[in-house]
Amino acid sequence: GLRDLTRDAVIAAMAEHDELGQRKFCRKYDAKPSKELAI
């Protein structure tokens, strides 16, 4: 769960999000926007 996350992993995920765009990024990781919190 959340305990497995690291700062480097979150930063890397955001960088990949920038490169792919939200739609492709969500498709790659099988995730839907929650619209509850934003970084």
Full PDB file with SEQRES, HELIX, SHEET, SSBOND, CRYST1, ORIGX, SCALE, CONECT and MASTER records, all heavy atoms in Angstrom:
SEQRES   1 A   39  GLY LEU ARG ASP LEU THR ARG ASP ALA VAL ILE ALA ALA          
SEQRES   2 A   39  MET ALA GLU HIS ASP GLU LEU GLY GLN ARG LYS PHE CYS          
SEQRES   3 A   39  ARG LYS TYR ASP ALA LYS PRO SER LYS GLU LEU ALA ILE          
HELIX    1 AA1 LEU A    2  ASP A    4  5                                   3    
HELIX    2 AA2 ARG A    7  LEU A   20  1                                  14    
HELIX    3 AA3 GLN A   22  LYS A   28  1                                   7    
CRYST1    1.000    1.000    1.000  90.00  90.00  90.00 P 1           1          
ORIGX1      1.000000  0.000000  0.000000        0.00000                         
ORIGX2      0.000000  1.000000  0.000000        0.00000                         
ORIGX3      0.000000  0.000000  1.000000        0.00000                         
SCALE1      1.000000  0.000000  0.000000        0.00000                         
SCALE2      0.000000  1.000000  0.000000        0.00000                         
SCALE3      0.000000  0.000000  1.000000        0.00000                         
ATOM      1  N   GLY A   1       0.813  -1.190   0.000  1.00  0.00           N  
ATOM      2  CA  GLY A   1       0.000   0.000   0.000  1.00  0.00           C  
ATOM      3  C   GLY A   1       0.852   1.246   0.000  1.00  0.00           C  
ATOM      4  O   GLY A   1       1.942   1.260  -0.573  1.00  0.00           O  
ATOM      5  N   LEU A   2       0.376   2.266   0.685  1.00  0.00           N  
ATOM      6  CA  LEU A   2       1.088   3.540   0.695  1.00  0.00           C  
ATOM      7  C   LEU A   2       2.477   3.422   1.290  1.00  0.00           C  
ATOM      8  O   LEU A   2       3.379   4.177   0.941  1.00  0.00           O  
ATOM      9  CB  LEU A   2       0.283   4.579   1.470  1.00  0.00           C  
ATOM     10  CG  LEU A   2      -1.035   5.042   0.839  1.00  0.00           C  
ATOM     11  CD1 LEU A   2      -1.720   6.048   1.757  1.00  0.00           C  
ATOM     12  CD2 LEU A   2      -0.801   5.643  -0.532  1.00  0.00           C  
ATOM     13  N   ARG A   3       2.674   2.478   2.212  1.00  0.00           N  
ATOM     14  CA  ARG A   3       3.985   2.341   2.847  1.00  0.00           C  
ATOM     15  C   ARG A   3       5.076   1.945   1.854  1.00  0.00           C  
ATOM     16  O   ARG A   3       6.263   2.111   2.142  1.00  0.00           O  
ATOM     17  CB  ARG A   3       3.910   1.314   3.972  1.00  0.00           C  
ATOM     18  CG  ARG A   3       3.662  -0.126   3.497  1.00  0.00           C  
ATOM     19  CD  ARG A   3       3.624  -1.098   4.677  1.00  0.00           C  
ATOM     20  NE  ARG A   3       3.431  -2.463   4.243  1.00  0.00           N  
ATOM     21  CZ  ARG A   3       2.243  -3.000   3.990  1.00  0.00           C  
ATOM     22  NH1 ARG A   3       1.156  -2.251   4.142  1.00  0.00           N  
ATOM     23  NH2 ARG A   3       2.136  -4.253   3.588  1.00  0.00           N  
ATOM     24  N   ASP A   4       4.681   1.421   0.696  1.00  0.00           N  
ATOM     25  CA  ASP A   4       5.671   1.004  -0.306  1.00  0.00           C  
ATOM     26  C   ASP A   4       6.124   2.163  -1.194  1.00  0.00           C  
ATOM     27  O   ASP A   4       7.062   2.013  -1.975  1.00  0.00           O  
ATOM     28  CB  ASP A   4       5.085  -0.098  -1.200  1.00  0.00           C  
ATOM     29  CG  ASP A   4       4.703  -1.334  -0.397  1.00  0.00           C  
ATOM     30  OD1 ASP A   4       5.603  -1.895   0.251  1.00  0.00           O  
ATOM     31  OD2 ASP A   4       3.515  -1.704  -0.404  1.00  0.00           O  
ATOM     32  N   LEU A   5       5.458   3.282  -1.093  1.00  0.00           N  
ATOM     33  CA  LEU A   5       5.811   4.404  -1.959  1.00  0.00           C  
ATOM     34  C   LEU A   5       7.077   5.099  -1.473  1.00  0.00           C  
ATOM     35  O   LEU A   5       7.362   5.148  -0.276  1.00  0.00           O  
ATOM     36  CB  LEU A   5       4.669   5.422  -2.001  1.00  0.00           C  
ATOM     37  CG  LEU A   5       3.329   4.949  -2.557  1.00  0.00           C  
ATOM     38  CD1 LEU A   5       2.350   6.103  -2.595  1.00  0.00           C  
ATOM     39  CD2 LEU A   5       3.496   4.356  -3.946  1.00  0.00           C  
ATOM     40  N   THR A   6       7.826   5.631  -2.440  1.00  0.00           N  
ATOM     41  CA  THR A   6       9.006   6.437  -2.138  1.00  0.00           C  
ATOM     42  C   THR A   6       8.897   7.763  -2.884  1.00  0.00           C  
ATOM     43  O   THR A   6       8.156   7.879  -3.858  1.00  0.00           O  
ATOM     44  CB  THR A   6      10.303   5.736  -2.576  1.00  0.00           C  
ATOM     45  OG1 THR A   6      10.295   5.620  -4.008  1.00  0.00           O  
ATOM     46  CG2 THR A   6      10.425   4.351  -1.945  1.00  0.00           C  
ATOM     47  N   ARG A   7       9.639   8.746  -2.388  1.00  0.00           N  
ATOM     48  CA  ARG A   7       9.618  10.048  -3.057  1.00  0.00           C  
ATOM     49  C   ARG A   7      10.106   9.919  -4.492  1.00  0.00           C  
ATOM     50  O   ARG A   7       9.519  10.499  -5.416  1.00  0.00           O  
ATOM     51  CB  ARG A   7      10.489  11.055  -2.299  1.00  0.00           C  
ATOM     52  CG  ARG A   7      10.512  12.424  -2.949  1.00  0.00           C  
ATOM     53  CD  ARG A   7      11.456  13.380  -2.233  1.00  0.00           C  
ATOM     54  NE  ARG A   7      11.387  14.701  -2.831  1.00  0.00           N  
ATOM     55  CZ  ARG A   7      12.011  15.057  -3.945  1.00  0.00           C  
ATOM     56  NH1 ARG A   7      12.757  14.175  -4.600  1.00  0.00           N  
ATOM     57  NH2 ARG A   7      11.880  16.278  -4.424  1.00  0.00           N  
ATOM     58  N   ASP A   8      11.193   9.177  -4.710  1.00  0.00           N  
ATOM     59  CA  ASP A   8      11.739   9.017  -6.062  1.00  0.00           C  
ATOM     60  C   ASP A   8      10.719   8.388  -7.001  1.00  0.00           C  
ATOM     61  O   ASP A   8      10.617   8.774  -8.177  1.00  0.00           O  
ATOM     62  CB  ASP A   8      13.012   8.166  -6.036  1.00  0.00           C  
ATOM     63  CG  ASP A   8      14.203   8.907  -5.439  1.00  0.00           C  
ATOM     64  OD1 ASP A   8      14.116  10.144  -5.323  1.00  0.00           O  
ATOM     65  OD2 ASP A   8      15.194   8.240  -5.096  1.00  0.00           O  
ATOM     66  N   ALA A   9       9.945   7.432  -6.495  1.00  0.00           N  
ATOM     67  CA  ALA A   9       8.939   6.771  -7.333  1.00  0.00           C  
ATOM     68  C   ALA A   9       7.823   7.741  -7.705  1.00  0.00           C  
ATOM     69  O   ALA A   9       7.327   7.748  -8.840  1.00  0.00           O  
ATOM     70  CB  ALA A   9       8.365   5.558  -6.608  1.00  0.00           C  
ATOM     71  N   VAL A  10       7.406   8.581  -6.745  1.00  0.00           N  
ATOM     72  CA  VAL A  10       6.352   9.563  -7.023  1.00  0.00           C  
ATOM     73  C   VAL A  10       6.841  10.595  -8.048  1.00  0.00           C  
ATOM     74  O   VAL A  10       6.123  10.930  -8.997  1.00  0.00           O  
ATOM     75  CB  VAL A  10       5.901  10.261  -5.728  1.00  0.00           C  
ATOM     76  CG1 VAL A  10       4.938  11.408  -6.038  1.00  0.00           C  
ATOM     77  CG2 VAL A  10       5.219   9.260  -4.796  1.00  0.00           C  
ATOM     78  N   ILE A  11       8.070  11.081  -7.877  1.00  0.00           N  
ATOM     79  CA  ILE A  11       8.639  12.042  -8.824  1.00  0.00           C  
ATOM     80  C   ILE A  11       8.750  11.417 -10.211  1.00  0.00           C  
ATOM     81  O   ILE A  11       8.421  12.050 -11.231  1.00  0.00           O  
ATOM     82  CB  ILE A  11      10.029  12.524  -8.351  1.00  0.00           C  
ATOM     83  CG1 ILE A  11       9.900  13.327  -7.052  1.00  0.00           C  
ATOM     84  CG2 ILE A  11      10.712  13.349  -9.428  1.00  0.00           C  
ATOM     85  CD1 ILE A  11       9.149  14.623  -7.173  1.00  0.00           C  
ATOM     86  N   ALA A  12       9.185  10.163 -10.274  1.00  0.00           N  
ATOM     87  CA  ALA A  12       9.300   9.470 -11.561  1.00  0.00           C  
ATOM     88  C   ALA A  12       7.935   9.290 -12.214  1.00  0.00           C  
ATOM     89  O   ALA A  12       7.784   9.424 -13.437  1.00  0.00           O  
ATOM     90  CB  ALA A  12       9.975   8.110 -11.373  1.00  0.00           C  
ATOM     91  N   ALA A  13       6.916   9.005 -11.405  1.00  0.00           N  
ATOM     92  CA  ALA A  13       5.557   8.850 -11.933  1.00  0.00           C  
ATOM     93  C   ALA A  13       5.049  10.166 -12.509  1.00  0.00           C  
ATOM     94  O   ALA A  13       4.422  10.196 -13.580  1.00  0.00           O  
ATOM     95  CB  ALA A  13       4.620   8.345 -10.842  1.00  0.00           C  
ATOM     96  N   MET A  14       5.316  11.272 -11.829  1.00  0.00           N  
ATOM     97  CA  MET A  14       4.869  12.571 -12.331  1.00  0.00           C  
ATOM     98  C   MET A  14       5.594  12.920 -13.631  1.00  0.00           C  
ATOM     99  O   MET A  14       4.991  13.476 -14.550  1.00  0.00           O  
ATOM    100  CB  MET A  14       5.087  13.642 -11.272  1.00  0.00           C  
ATOM    101  CG  MET A  14       4.174  13.476 -10.068  1.00  0.00           C  
ATOM    102  SD  MET A  14       4.154  14.904  -8.936  1.00  0.00           S  
ATOM    103  CE  MET A  14       5.861  14.918  -8.390  1.00  0.00           C  
ATOM    104  N   ALA A  15       6.876  12.592 -13.708  1.00  0.00           N  
ATOM    105  CA  ALA A  15       7.628  12.862 -14.933  1.00  0.00           C  
ATOM    106  C   ALA A  15       7.078  12.055 -16.101  1.00  0.00           C  
ATOM    107  O   ALA A  15       6.943  12.556 -17.226  1.00  0.00           O  
ATOM    108  CB  ALA A  15       9.108  12.544 -14.723  1.00  0.00           C  
ATOM    109  N   GLU A  16       6.723  10.793 -15.833  1.00  0.00           N  
ATOM    110  CA  GLU A  16       6.149   9.950 -16.891  1.00  0.00           C  
ATOM    111  C   GLU A  16       4.762  10.457 -17.277  1.00  0.00           C  
ATOM    112  O   GLU A  16       4.380  10.423 -18.454  1.00  0.00           O  
ATOM    113  CB  GLU A  16       6.073   8.500 -16.417  1.00  0.00           C  
ATOM    114  CG  GLU A  16       5.640   7.530 -17.515  1.00  0.00           C  
ATOM    115  CD  GLU A  16       5.647   6.089 -17.061  1.00  0.00           C  
ATOM    116  OE1 GLU A  16       5.838   5.828 -15.853  1.00  0.00           O  
ATOM    117  OE2 GLU A  16       5.432   5.214 -17.925  1.00  0.00           O  
ATOM    118  N   HIS A  17       4.011  10.934 -16.300  1.00  0.00           N  
ATOM    119  CA  HIS A  17       2.694  11.530 -16.557  1.00  0.00           C  
ATOM    120  C   HIS A  17       2.835  12.718 -17.501  1.00  0.00           C  
ATOM    121  O   HIS A  17       2.053  12.885 -18.442  1.00  0.00           O  
ATOM    122  CB  HIS A  17       2.066  11.951 -15.232  1.00  0.00           C  
ATOM    123  CG  HIS A  17       0.707  12.549 -15.348  1.00  0.00           C  
ATOM    124  ND1 HIS A  17       0.490  13.846 -15.793  1.00  0.00           N  
ATOM    125  CD2 HIS A  17      -0.527  12.030 -15.074  1.00  0.00           C  
ATOM    126  CE1 HIS A  17      -0.797  14.098 -15.791  1.00  0.00           C  
ATOM    127  NE2 HIS A  17      -1.444  13.021 -15.360  1.00  0.00           N  
ATOM    128  N   ASP A  18       3.858  13.563 -17.277  1.00  0.00           N  
ATOM    129  CA  ASP A  18       4.090  14.717 -18.148  1.00  0.00           C  
ATOM    130  C   ASP A  18       4.378  14.272 -19.576  1.00  0.00           C  
ATOM    131  O   ASP A  18       3.918  14.885 -20.542  1.00  0.00           O  
ATOM    132  CB  ASP A  18       5.277  15.541 -17.636  1.00  0.00           C  
ATOM    133  CG  ASP A  18       4.949  16.298 -16.359  1.00  0.00           C  
ATOM    134  OD1 ASP A  18       3.747  16.450 -16.068  1.00  0.00           O  
ATOM    135  OD2 ASP A  18       5.887  16.719 -15.666  1.00  0.00           O  
ATOM    136  N   GLU A  19       5.142  13.209 -19.691  1.00  0.00           N  
ATOM    137  CA  GLU A  19       5.559  12.744 -21.017  1.00  0.00           C  
ATOM    138  C   GLU A  19       4.417  12.082 -21.776  1.00  0.00           C  
ATOM    139  O   GLU A  19       4.239  12.298 -22.976  1.00  0.00           O  
ATOM    140  CB  GLU A  19       6.728  11.772 -20.879  1.00  0.00           C  
ATOM    141  CG  GLU A  19       7.312  11.308 -22.197  1.00  0.00           C  
ATOM    142  CD  GLU A  19       8.544  10.454 -22.028  1.00  0.00           C  
ATOM    143  OE1 GLU A  19       9.096  10.388 -20.912  1.00  0.00           O  
ATOM    144  OE2 GLU A  19       8.978   9.827 -23.022  1.00  0.00           O  
ATOM    145  N   LEU A  20       3.631  11.266 -21.082  1.00  0.00           N  
ATOM    146  CA  LEU A  20       2.569  10.502 -21.748  1.00  0.00           C  
ATOM    147  C   LEU A  20       1.259  11.274 -21.855  1.00  0.00           C  
ATOM    148  O   LEU A  20       0.475  11.045 -22.778  1.00  0.00           O  
ATOM    149  CB  LEU A  20       2.303   9.194 -20.982  1.00  0.00           C  
ATOM    150  CG  LEU A  20       3.438   8.174 -20.923  1.00  0.00           C  
ATOM    151  CD1 LEU A  20       3.000   6.962 -20.110  1.00  0.00           C  
ATOM    152  CD2 LEU A  20       3.859   7.741 -22.320  1.00  0.00           C  
ATOM    153  N   GLY A  21       1.011  12.179 -20.927  1.00  0.00           N  
ATOM    154  CA  GLY A  21      -0.307  12.794 -20.821  1.00  0.00           C  
ATOM    155  C   GLY A  21      -1.194  11.947 -19.922  1.00  0.00           C  
ATOM    156  O   GLY A  21      -0.972  10.733 -19.751  1.00  0.00           O  
ATOM    157  N   GLN A  22      -2.241  12.551 -19.332  1.00  0.00           N  
ATOM    158  CA  GLN A  22      -3.035  11.842 -18.328  1.00  0.00           C  
ATOM    159  C   GLN A  22      -3.741  10.617 -18.887  1.00  0.00           C  
ATOM    160  O   GLN A  22      -3.753   9.553 -18.246  1.00  0.00           O  
ATOM    161  CB  GLN A  22      -4.067  12.787 -17.701  1.00  0.00           C  
ATOM    162  CG  GLN A  22      -4.949  12.089 -16.649  1.00  0.00           C  
ATOM    163  CD  GLN A  22      -5.739  13.047 -15.804  1.00  0.00           C  
ATOM    164  OE1 GLN A  22      -5.165  13.765 -14.996  1.00  0.00           O  
ATOM    165  NE2 GLN A  22      -7.055  13.078 -15.995  1.00  0.00           N  
ATOM    166  N   ARG A  23      -4.293  10.721 -20.093  1.00  0.00           N  
ATOM    167  CA  ARG A  23      -5.069   9.596 -20.624  1.00  0.00           C  
ATOM    168  C   ARG A  23      -4.207   8.355 -20.816  1.00  0.00           C  
ATOM    169  O   ARG A  23      -4.565   7.255 -20.358  1.00  0.00           O  
ATOM    170  CB  ARG A  23      -5.714  10.001 -21.955  1.00  0.00           C  
ATOM    171  CG  ARG A  23      -6.602   8.911 -22.555  1.00  0.00           C  
ATOM    172  CD  ARG A  23      -7.282   9.403 -23.813  1.00  0.00           C  
ATOM    173  NE  ARG A  23      -8.161  10.528 -23.544  1.00  0.00           N  
ATOM    174  CZ  ARG A  23      -8.854  11.168 -24.476  1.00  0.00           C  
ATOM    175  NH1 ARG A  23      -8.770  10.785 -25.744  1.00  0.00           N  
ATOM    176  NH2 ARG A  23      -9.633  12.176 -24.160  1.00  0.00           N  
ATOM    177  N   LYS A  24      -3.054   8.510 -21.464  1.00  0.00           N  
ATOM    178  CA  LYS A  24      -2.175   7.358 -21.702  1.00  0.00           C  
ATOM    179  C   LYS A  24      -1.595   6.834 -20.397  1.00  0.00           C  
ATOM    180  O   LYS A  24      -1.419   5.630 -20.214  1.00  0.00           O  
ATOM    181  CB  LYS A  24      -1.061   7.744 -22.666  1.00  0.00           C  
ATOM    182  CG  LYS A  24      -1.525   7.980 -24.092  1.00  0.00           C  
ATOM    183  CD  LYS A  24      -0.348   8.284 -25.006  1.00  0.00           C  
ATOM    184  CE  LYS A  24      -0.816   8.500 -26.445  1.00  0.00           C  
ATOM    185  NZ  LYS A  24       0.323   8.826 -27.340  1.00  0.00           N  
ATOM    186  N   PHE A  25      -1.281   7.761 -19.479  1.00  0.00           N  
ATOM    187  CA  PHE A  25      -0.713   7.351 -18.197  1.00  0.00           C  
ATOM    188  C   PHE A  25      -1.733   6.513 -17.418  1.00  0.00           C  
ATOM    189  O   PHE A  25      -1.391   5.452 -16.867  1.00  0.00           O  
ATOM    190  CB  PHE A  25      -0.309   8.588 -17.395  1.00  0.00           C  
ATOM    191  CG  PHE A  25       0.363   8.277 -16.087  1.00  0.00           C  
ATOM    192  CD1 PHE A  25       1.731   8.058 -16.026  1.00  0.00           C  
ATOM    193  CD2 PHE A  25      -0.369   8.216 -14.901  1.00  0.00           C  
ATOM    194  CE1 PHE A  25       2.363   7.774 -14.821  1.00  0.00           C  
ATOM    195  CE2 PHE A  25       0.257   7.934 -13.688  1.00  0.00           C  
ATOM    196  CZ  PHE A  25       1.629   7.713 -13.654  1.00  0.00           C  
ATOM    197  N   CYS A  26      -2.977   6.963 -17.364  1.00  0.00           N  
ATOM    198  CA  CYS A  26      -4.020   6.216 -16.643  1.00  0.00           C  
ATOM    199  C   CYS A  26      -4.259   4.852 -17.270  1.00  0.00           C  
ATOM    200  O   CYS A  26      -4.456   3.846 -16.568  1.00  0.00           O  
ATOM    201  CB  CYS A  26      -5.313   7.017 -16.619  1.00  0.00           C  
ATOM    202  SG  CYS A  26      -5.271   8.473 -15.549  1.00  0.00           S  
ATOM    203  N   ARG A  27      -4.206   4.808 -18.596  1.00  0.00           N  
ATOM    204  CA  ARG A  27      -4.406   3.534 -19.294  1.00  0.00           C  
ATOM    205  C   ARG A  27      -3.259   2.562 -18.970  1.00  0.00           C  
ATOM    206  O   ARG A  27      -3.480   1.374 -18.745  1.00  0.00           O  
ATOM    207  CB  ARG A  27      -4.492   3.771 -20.795  1.00  0.00           C  
ATOM    208  CG  ARG A  27      -4.889   2.516 -21.590  1.00  0.00           C  
ATOM    209  CD  ARG A  27      -4.914   2.785 -23.080  1.00  0.00           C  
ATOM    210  NE  ARG A  27      -5.791   3.886 -23.407  1.00  0.00           N  
ATOM    211  CZ  ARG A  27      -5.418   4.951 -24.096  1.00  0.00           C  
ATOM    212  NH1 ARG A  27      -4.168   5.056 -24.530  1.00  0.00           N  
ATOM    213  NH2 ARG A  27      -6.280   5.905 -24.356  1.00  0.00           N  
ATOM    214  N   LYS A  28      -2.029   3.083 -18.936  1.00  0.00           N  
ATOM    215  CA  LYS A  28      -0.879   2.222 -18.666  1.00  0.00           C  
ATOM    216  C   LYS A  28      -0.956   1.588 -17.286  1.00  0.00           C  
ATOM    217  O   LYS A  28      -0.634   0.405 -17.102  1.00  0.00           O  
ATOM    218  CB  LYS A  28       0.414   3.024 -18.797  1.00  0.00           C  
ATOM    219  CG  LYS A  28       1.667   2.222 -18.478  1.00  0.00           C  
ATOM    220  CD  LYS A  28       2.940   3.033 -18.700  1.00  0.00           C  
ATOM    221  CE  LYS A  28       4.173   2.204 -18.351  1.00  0.00           C  
ATOM    222  NZ  LYS A  28       5.429   2.963 -18.584  1.00  0.00           N  
ATOM    223  N   TYR A  29      -1.380   2.371 -16.298  1.00  0.00           N  
ATOM    224  CA  TYR A  29      -1.396   1.867 -14.919  1.00  0.00           C  
ATOM    225  C   TYR A  29      -2.793   1.485 -14.440  1.00  0.00           C  
ATOM    226  O   TYR A  29      -2.998   1.264 -13.242  1.00  0.00           O  
ATOM    227  CB  TYR A  29      -0.777   2.909 -13.989  1.00  0.00           C  
ATOM    228  CG  TYR A  29       0.705   3.079 -14.229  1.00  0.00           C  
ATOM    229  CD1 TYR A  29       1.195   4.217 -14.882  1.00  0.00           C  
ATOM    230  CD2 TYR A  29       1.618   2.098 -13.853  1.00  0.00           C  
ATOM    231  CE1 TYR A  29       2.556   4.370 -15.124  1.00  0.00           C  
ATOM    232  CE2 TYR A  29       2.971   2.241 -14.090  1.00  0.00           C  
ATOM    233  CZ  TYR A  29       3.436   3.370 -14.730  1.00  0.00           C  
ATOM    234  OH  TYR A  29       4.787   3.507 -14.968  1.00  0.00           O  
ATOM    235  N   ASP A  30      -3.741   1.402 -15.384  1.00  0.00           N  
ATOM    236  CA  ASP A  30      -5.093   0.947 -15.091  1.00  0.00           C  
ATOM    237  C   ASP A  30      -5.689   1.707 -13.900  1.00  0.00           C  
ATOM    238  O   ASP A  30      -6.170   1.113 -12.920  1.00  0.00           O  
ATOM    239  CB  ASP A  30      -5.092  -0.561 -14.798  1.00  0.00           C  
ATOM    240  CG  ASP A  30      -6.508  -1.141 -14.787  1.00  0.00           C  
ATOM    241  OD1 ASP A  30      -7.396  -0.539 -15.452  1.00  0.00           O  
ATOM    242  OD2 ASP A  30      -6.732  -2.164 -14.121  1.00  0.00           O  
ATOM    243  N   ALA A  31      -5.628   3.034 -13.996  1.00  0.00           N  
ATOM    244  CA  ALA A  31      -6.114   3.860 -12.898  1.00  0.00           C  
ATOM    245  C   ALA A  31      -7.028   4.949 -13.431  1.00  0.00           C  
ATOM    246  O   ALA A  31      -6.813   5.474 -14.523  1.00  0.00           O  
ATOM    247  CB  ALA A  31      -4.938   4.490 -12.152  1.00  0.00           C  
ATOM    248  N   LYS A  32      -8.050   5.271 -12.657  1.00  0.00           N  
ATOM    249  CA  LYS A  32      -8.953   6.345 -13.022  1.00  0.00           C  
ATOM    250  C   LYS A  32      -8.758   7.517 -12.050  1.00  0.00           C  
ATOM    251  O   LYS A  32      -8.537   7.304 -10.857  1.00  0.00           O  
ATOM    252  CB  LYS A  32     -10.413   5.879 -12.944  1.00  0.00           C  
ATOM    253  CG  LYS A  32     -10.766   4.811 -13.974  1.00  0.00           C  
ATOM    254  CD  LYS A  32     -12.235   4.427 -13.856  1.00  0.00           C  
ATOM    255  CE  LYS A  32     -12.605   3.379 -14.896  1.00  0.00           C  
ATOM    256  NZ  LYS A  32     -14.048   2.986 -14.788  1.00  0.00           N  
ATOM    257  N   PRO A  33      -8.843   8.758 -12.563  1.00  0.00           N  
ATOM    258  CA  PRO A  33      -8.723   9.917 -11.667  1.00  0.00           C  
ATOM    259  C   PRO A  33      -9.780   9.876 -10.570  1.00  0.00           C  
ATOM    260  O   PRO A  33     -10.944   9.556 -10.819  1.00  0.00           O  
ATOM    261  CB  PRO A  33      -8.941  11.109 -12.598  1.00  0.00           C  
ATOM    262  CG  PRO A  33      -8.581  10.603 -13.963  1.00  0.00           C  
ATOM    263  CD  PRO A  33      -9.002   9.165 -13.977  1.00  0.00           C  
ATOM    264  N   SER A  34      -9.369  10.171  -9.350  1.00  0.00           N  
ATOM    265  CA  SER A  34     -10.305  10.133  -8.225  1.00  0.00           C  
ATOM    266  C   SER A  34     -11.008  11.469  -8.029  1.00  0.00           C  
ATOM    267  O   SER A  34     -12.110  11.527  -7.492  1.00  0.00           O  
ATOM    268  CB  SER A  34      -9.560   9.780  -6.939  1.00  0.00           C  
ATOM    269  OG  SER A  34      -8.672  10.840  -6.588  1.00  0.00           O  
ATOM    270  N   LYS A  35     -10.337  12.560  -8.448  1.00  0.00           N  
ATOM    271  CA  LYS A  35     -10.860  13.918  -8.308  1.00  0.00           C  
ATOM    272  C   LYS A  35     -11.087  14.312  -6.853  1.00  0.00           C  
ATOM    273  O   LYS A  35     -11.858  15.228  -6.556  1.00  0.00           O  
ATOM    274  CB  LYS A  35     -12.155  14.088  -9.115  1.00  0.00           C  
ATOM    275  CG  LYS A  35     -11.983  13.828 -10.606  1.00  0.00           C  
ATOM    276  CD  LYS A  35     -13.266  14.045 -11.368  1.00  0.00           C  
ATOM    277  CE  LYS A  35     -13.061  13.765 -12.857  1.00  0.00           C  
ATOM    278  NZ  LYS A  35     -14.294  13.961 -13.649  1.00  0.00           N  
ATOM    279  N   GLU A  36     -10.413  13.599  -5.918  1.00  0.00           N  
ATOM    280  CA  GLU A  36     -10.545  13.921  -4.503  1.00  0.00           C  
ATOM    281  C   GLU A  36      -9.378  14.753  -4.005  1.00  0.00           C  
ATOM    282  O   GLU A  36      -9.555  15.676  -3.209  1.00  0.00           O  
ATOM    283  CB  GLU A  36     -10.650  12.640  -3.670  1.00  0.00           C  
ATOM    284  CG  GLU A  36     -11.908  11.829  -3.954  1.00  0.00           C  
ATOM    285  CD  GLU A  36     -11.940  10.541  -3.163  1.00  0.00           C  
ATOM    286  OE1 GLU A  36     -10.967  10.296  -2.405  1.00  0.00           O  
ATOM    287  OE2 GLU A  36     -12.910   9.788  -3.295  1.00  0.00           O  
ATOM    288  N   LEU A  37      -8.175  14.409  -4.448  1.00  0.00           N  
ATOM    289  CA  LEU A  37      -6.973  15.131  -4.062  1.00  0.00           C  
ATOM    290  C   LEU A  37      -6.096  15.328  -5.294  1.00  0.00           C  
ATOM    291  O   LEU A  37      -6.084  14.493  -6.204  1.00  0.00           O  
ATOM    292  CB  LEU A  37      -6.169  14.368  -3.004  1.00  0.00           C  
ATOM    293  CG  LEU A  37      -6.586  14.489  -1.537  1.00  0.00           C  
ATOM    294  CD1 LEU A  37      -5.660  13.637  -0.685  1.00  0.00           C  
ATOM    295  CD2 LEU A  37      -6.568  15.930  -1.065  1.00  0.00           C  
ATOM    296  N   ALA A  38      -5.341  16.415  -5.289  1.00  0.00           N  
ATOM    297  CA  ALA A  38      -4.419  16.684  -6.395  1.00  0.00           C  
ATOM    298  C   ALA A  38      -3.058  17.077  -5.827  1.00  0.00           C  
ATOM    299  O   ALA A  38      -2.975  17.761  -4.795  1.00  0.00           O  
ATOM    300  CB  ALA A  38      -4.964  17.796  -7.284  1.00  0.00           C  
ATOM    301  N   ILE A  39      -2.019  16.618  -6.484  1.00  0.00           N  
ATOM    302  CA  ILE A  39      -0.653  16.984  -6.103  1.00  0.00           C  
ATOM    303  C   ILE A  39      -0.247  18.198  -6.927  1.00  0.00           C  
ATOM    304  O   ILE A  39      -0.409  18.207  -8.150  1.00  0.00           O  
ATOM    305  CB  ILE A  39       0.327  15.824  -6.359  1.00  0.00           C  
ATOM    306  CG1 ILE A  39      -0.082  14.590  -5.554  1.00  0.00           C  
ATOM    307  CG2 ILE A  39       1.760  16.236  -6.008  1.00  0.00           C  
ATOM    308  CD1 ILE A  39       0.709  13.339  -5.918  1.00  0.00           C  
TER     309      ILE A  39                                                      
MASTER        0    0    0    3    0    0    0    6  308    1    0    3          
END                                                                             
